[in-house]
Amino acid sequence: MREAGKTDHEAHMEFGQWLRDQRTKSGLTIEQASERSGVQAERLKSLELGYAKKGVTAQESQKVAAAYRINIQEFLDKAMGKDQS
């Protein structure tokens, strides 16, 4: 359920930017984030660049949220395109 008026591409790009911001706030490189989360570096890059047309899986969500120390509900809301402003 994405925010009204946004295309899928815009929602994916916005999520990707948010995810990148969370990773950098955690002080992690892509490689470190991959090691910590168990999600392949290429997949993380794809998510951050907004190329995740299939979205993010539940397992990936849990792993990445834990690695970045993000509240899982906030992560899921962002992944679904819900604005929490």
N, C-alpha and C. Protein backbone atom coordinates (compact mmCIF):
# COMPACT_ATOMS: atom_id res chain seq x y z
N MET A 1 0.85 -1.18 0.00
CA MET A 1 0.00 0.00 0.00
C MET A 1 0.90 1.24 0.00
N ARG A 2 1.07 1.81 -1.18
CA ARG A 2 1.95 2.98 -1.26
C ARG A 2 1.15 4.25 -1.07
N GLU A 3 1.85 5.31 -0.80
CA GLU A 3 1.23 6.61 -0.59
C GLU A 3 0.51 7.06 -1.87
N ALA A 4 -0.66 7.63 -1.74
CA ALA A 4 -1.45 8.07 -2.89
C ALA A 4 -0.68 9.04 -3.76
N GLY A 5 -0.83 8.87 -5.07
CA GLY A 5 -0.20 9.77 -6.01
C GLY A 5 1.22 9.39 -6.41
N LYS A 6 1.78 8.35 -5.83
CA LYS A 6 3.14 7.92 -6.16
C LYS A 6 3.09 6.71 -7.07
N THR A 7 3.98 6.71 -8.04
CA THR A 7 4.11 5.52 -8.89
C THR A 7 4.90 4.47 -8.12
N ASP A 8 4.85 3.24 -8.59
CA ASP A 8 5.64 2.17 -7.97
C ASP A 8 7.12 2.55 -7.99
N HIS A 9 7.57 3.08 -9.12
CA HIS A 9 8.98 3.46 -9.25
C HIS A 9 9.36 4.52 -8.21
N GLU A 10 8.52 5.52 -8.06
CA GLU A 10 8.79 6.57 -7.06
C GLU A 10 8.83 6.00 -5.65
N ALA A 11 7.92 5.10 -5.34
CA ALA A 11 7.88 4.48 -4.01
C ALA A 11 9.14 3.64 -3.78
N HIS A 12 9.58 2.91 -4.80
CA HIS A 12 10.79 2.09 -4.68
C HIS A 12 12.02 2.96 -4.50
N MET A 13 12.08 4.06 -5.25
CA MET A 13 13.22 4.97 -5.14
C MET A 13 13.26 5.62 -3.75
N GLU A 14 12.11 6.01 -3.26
CA GLU A 14 12.04 6.64 -1.94
C GLU A 14 12.46 5.65 -0.84
N PHE A 15 11.99 4.43 -0.93
CA PHE A 15 12.38 3.40 0.03
C PHE A 15 13.88 3.14 -0.06
N GLY A 16 14.40 3.06 -1.27
CA GLY A 16 15.83 2.83 -1.46
C GLY A 16 16.68 3.92 -0.84
N GLN A 17 16.27 5.16 -1.03
CA GLN A 17 17.02 6.28 -0.43
C GLN A 17 16.95 6.22 1.09
N TRP A 18 15.78 5.91 1.62
CA TRP A 18 15.62 5.79 3.07
C TRP A 18 16.51 4.66 3.59
N LEU A 19 16.52 3.53 2.88
CA LEU A 19 17.31 2.39 3.31
C LEU A 19 18.81 2.74 3.30
N ARG A 20 19.26 3.41 2.25
CA ARG A 20 20.66 3.85 2.17
C ARG A 20 20.98 4.78 3.34
N ASP A 21 20.09 5.70 3.62
CA ASP A 21 20.30 6.63 4.75
C ASP A 21 20.44 5.87 6.06
N GLN A 22 19.61 4.84 6.25
CA GLN A 22 19.67 4.06 7.48
C GLN A 22 21.00 3.30 7.58
N ARG A 23 21.45 2.78 6.45
CA ARG A 23 22.73 2.06 6.46
C ARG A 23 23.88 2.99 6.79
N THR A 24 23.89 4.17 6.18
CA THR A 24 24.99 5.09 6.45
C THR A 24 24.93 5.63 7.87
N LYS A 25 23.72 5.82 8.41
CA LYS A 25 23.59 6.23 9.81
C LYS A 25 24.14 5.16 10.74
N SER A 26 24.05 3.91 10.30
CA SER A 26 24.58 2.79 11.09
C SER A 26 26.09 2.67 10.94
N GLY A 27 26.67 3.48 10.03
CA GLY A 27 28.12 3.46 9.82
C GLY A 27 28.60 2.25 9.05
N LEU A 28 27.72 1.66 8.25
CA LEU A 28 28.07 0.43 7.53
C LEU A 28 28.29 0.67 6.04
N THR A 29 29.26 -0.03 5.48
CA THR A 29 29.39 -0.10 4.03
C THR A 29 28.42 -1.16 3.54
N ILE A 30 28.22 -1.24 2.25
CA ILE A 30 27.37 -2.30 1.69
C ILE A 30 27.91 -3.67 2.09
N GLU A 31 29.22 -3.84 2.01
CA GLU A 31 29.84 -5.12 2.33
C GLU A 31 29.62 -5.48 3.80
N GLN A 32 29.80 -4.51 4.68
CA GLN A 32 29.58 -4.76 6.11
C GLN A 32 28.12 -5.07 6.39
N ALA A 33 27.23 -4.34 5.73
CA ALA A 33 25.79 -4.58 5.90
C ALA A 33 25.43 -5.98 5.43
N SER A 34 26.05 -6.41 4.34
CA SER A 34 25.81 -7.75 3.82
C SER A 34 26.27 -8.81 4.80
N GLU A 35 27.46 -8.63 5.34
CA GLU A 35 27.98 -9.59 6.32
C GLU A 35 27.11 -9.63 7.56
N ARG A 36 26.70 -8.47 8.04
CA ARG A 36 25.91 -8.40 9.26
C ARG A 36 24.50 -8.98 9.07
N SER A 37 23.91 -8.73 7.90
CA SER A 37 22.53 -9.15 7.68
C SER A 37 22.38 -10.53 7.04
N GLY A 38 23.41 -10.96 6.33
CA GLY A 38 23.29 -12.22 5.61
C GLY A 38 22.57 -12.06 4.28
N VAL A 39 22.33 -10.82 3.86
CA VAL A 39 21.72 -10.53 2.57
C VAL A 39 22.85 -10.15 1.61
N GLN A 40 22.85 -10.72 0.42
CA GLN A 40 23.92 -10.46 -0.53
C GLN A 40 24.07 -8.97 -0.83
N ALA A 41 25.32 -8.54 -0.99
CA ALA A 41 25.61 -7.13 -1.25
C ALA A 41 24.90 -6.63 -2.50
N GLU A 42 24.85 -7.44 -3.54
CA GLU A 42 24.17 -7.03 -4.78
C GLU A 42 22.68 -6.79 -4.55
N ARG A 43 22.09 -7.61 -3.70
CA ARG A 43 20.66 -7.43 -3.39
C ARG A 43 20.44 -6.14 -2.61
N LEU A 44 21.32 -5.86 -1.65
CA LEU A 44 21.21 -4.60 -0.90
C LEU A 44 21.35 -3.40 -1.82
N LYS A 45 22.31 -3.47 -2.75
CA LYS A 45 22.50 -2.38 -3.72
C LYS A 45 21.24 -2.19 -4.55
N SER A 46 20.67 -3.30 -4.99
CA SER A 46 19.45 -3.25 -5.78
C SER A 46 18.31 -2.58 -5.02
N LEU A 47 18.16 -2.95 -3.75
CA LEU A 47 17.12 -2.33 -2.92
C LEU A 47 17.36 -0.83 -2.77
N GLU A 48 18.61 -0.45 -2.51
CA GLU A 48 18.93 0.96 -2.31
C GLU A 48 18.75 1.80 -3.57
N LEU A 49 18.94 1.18 -4.72
CA LEU A 49 18.79 1.90 -5.98
C LEU A 49 17.36 1.90 -6.50
N GLY A 50 16.46 1.23 -5.78
CA GLY A 50 15.05 1.23 -6.17
C GLY A 50 14.72 0.25 -7.27
N TYR A 51 15.59 -0.75 -7.47
CA TYR A 51 15.37 -1.73 -8.53
C TYR A 51 14.67 -2.99 -8.05
N ALA A 52 14.17 -2.99 -6.86
CA ALA A 52 13.57 -4.19 -6.28
C ALA A 52 12.11 -4.30 -6.69
N LYS A 53 11.89 -4.66 -7.93
CA LYS A 53 10.52 -4.73 -8.44
C LYS A 53 9.68 -5.75 -7.70
N LYS A 54 10.33 -6.81 -7.21
CA LYS A 54 9.61 -7.83 -6.44
C LYS A 54 9.41 -7.39 -5.00
N GLY A 55 9.99 -6.28 -4.64
CA GLY A 55 9.90 -5.84 -3.25
C GLY A 55 10.90 -6.55 -2.39
N VAL A 56 10.74 -6.40 -1.11
CA VAL A 56 11.65 -7.00 -0.14
C VAL A 56 10.89 -8.12 0.57
N THR A 57 11.54 -9.25 0.75
CA THR A 57 10.87 -10.39 1.38
C THR A 57 10.78 -10.18 2.90
N ALA A 58 9.94 -10.95 3.53
CA ALA A 58 9.80 -10.87 5.00
C ALA A 58 11.12 -11.23 5.67
N GLN A 59 11.79 -12.26 5.16
CA GLN A 59 13.07 -12.67 5.74
C GLN A 59 14.12 -11.58 5.57
N GLU A 60 14.19 -10.98 4.38
CA GLU A 60 15.13 -9.88 4.16
C GLU A 60 14.81 -8.71 5.07
N SER A 61 13.54 -8.41 5.22
CA SER A 61 13.12 -7.30 6.08
C SER A 61 13.63 -7.49 7.50
N GLN A 62 13.44 -8.67 8.03
CA GLN A 62 13.88 -8.96 9.40
C GLN A 62 15.39 -8.86 9.52
N LYS A 63 16.11 -9.43 8.57
CA LYS A 63 17.58 -9.43 8.62
C LYS A 63 18.15 -8.02 8.51
N VAL A 64 17.64 -7.26 7.55
CA VAL A 64 18.17 -5.92 7.33
C VAL A 64 17.79 -4.99 8.49
N ALA A 65 16.55 -5.07 8.95
CA ALA A 65 16.13 -4.25 10.08
C ALA A 65 17.00 -4.51 11.30
N ALA A 66 17.28 -5.78 11.56
CA ALA A 66 18.13 -6.13 12.71
C ALA A 66 19.55 -5.62 12.51
N ALA A 67 20.09 -5.80 11.31
CA ALA A 67 21.47 -5.37 11.03
C ALA A 67 21.63 -3.86 11.15
N TYR A 68 20.60 -3.12 10.71
CA TYR A 68 20.66 -1.65 10.74
C TYR A 68 20.10 -1.07 12.03
N ARG A 69 19.62 -1.96 12.90
CA ARG A 69 19.01 -1.57 14.17
C ARG A 69 17.82 -0.62 13.95
N ILE A 70 16.95 -1.06 13.04
CA ILE A 70 15.73 -0.31 12.70
C ILE A 70 14.54 -1.09 13.27
N ASN A 71 13.58 -0.38 13.81
CA ASN A 71 12.34 -1.00 14.27
C ASN A 71 11.70 -1.71 13.08
N ILE A 72 11.34 -2.97 13.26
CA ILE A 72 10.80 -3.76 12.15
C ILE A 72 9.52 -3.16 11.59
N GLN A 73 8.67 -2.60 12.43
CA GLN A 73 7.43 -2.01 11.92
C GLN A 73 7.71 -0.78 11.07
N GLU A 74 8.67 0.04 11.48
CA GLU A 74 9.06 1.20 10.68
C GLU A 74 9.61 0.73 9.33
N PHE A 75 10.45 -0.30 9.36
CA PHE A 75 11.01 -0.84 8.12
C PHE A 75 9.90 -1.30 7.18
N LEU A 76 8.96 -2.08 7.72
CA LEU A 76 7.86 -2.60 6.90
C LEU A 76 6.99 -1.48 6.36
N ASP A 77 6.70 -0.48 7.19
CA ASP A 77 5.90 0.65 6.73
C ASP A 77 6.59 1.36 5.57
N LYS A 78 7.89 1.59 5.70
CA LYS A 78 8.64 2.25 4.64
C LYS A 78 8.68 1.39 3.38
N ALA A 79 8.88 0.09 3.55
CA ALA A 79 8.92 -0.83 2.41
C ALA A 79 7.58 -0.85 1.67
N MET A 80 6.51 -0.64 2.41
CA MET A 80 5.17 -0.64 1.80
C MET A 80 4.78 0.74 1.28
N GLY A 81 5.66 1.72 1.46
CA GLY A 81 5.39 3.05 0.94
C GLY A 81 4.52 3.92 1.82
N LYS A 82 4.40 3.55 3.08
CA LYS A 82 3.62 4.36 4.02
C LYS A 82 4.50 5.48 4.55
N ASP A 83 4.00 6.69 4.50
CA ASP A 83 4.73 7.84 4.99
C ASP A 83 4.46 8.00 6.48
N GLN A 84 5.54 8.09 7.26
CA GLN A 84 5.38 8.23 8.72
C GLN A 84 5.73 9.63 9.20
N SER A 85 5.62 10.62 8.34
CA SER A 85 5.99 11.99 8.75
C SER A 85 5.09 12.53 9.81
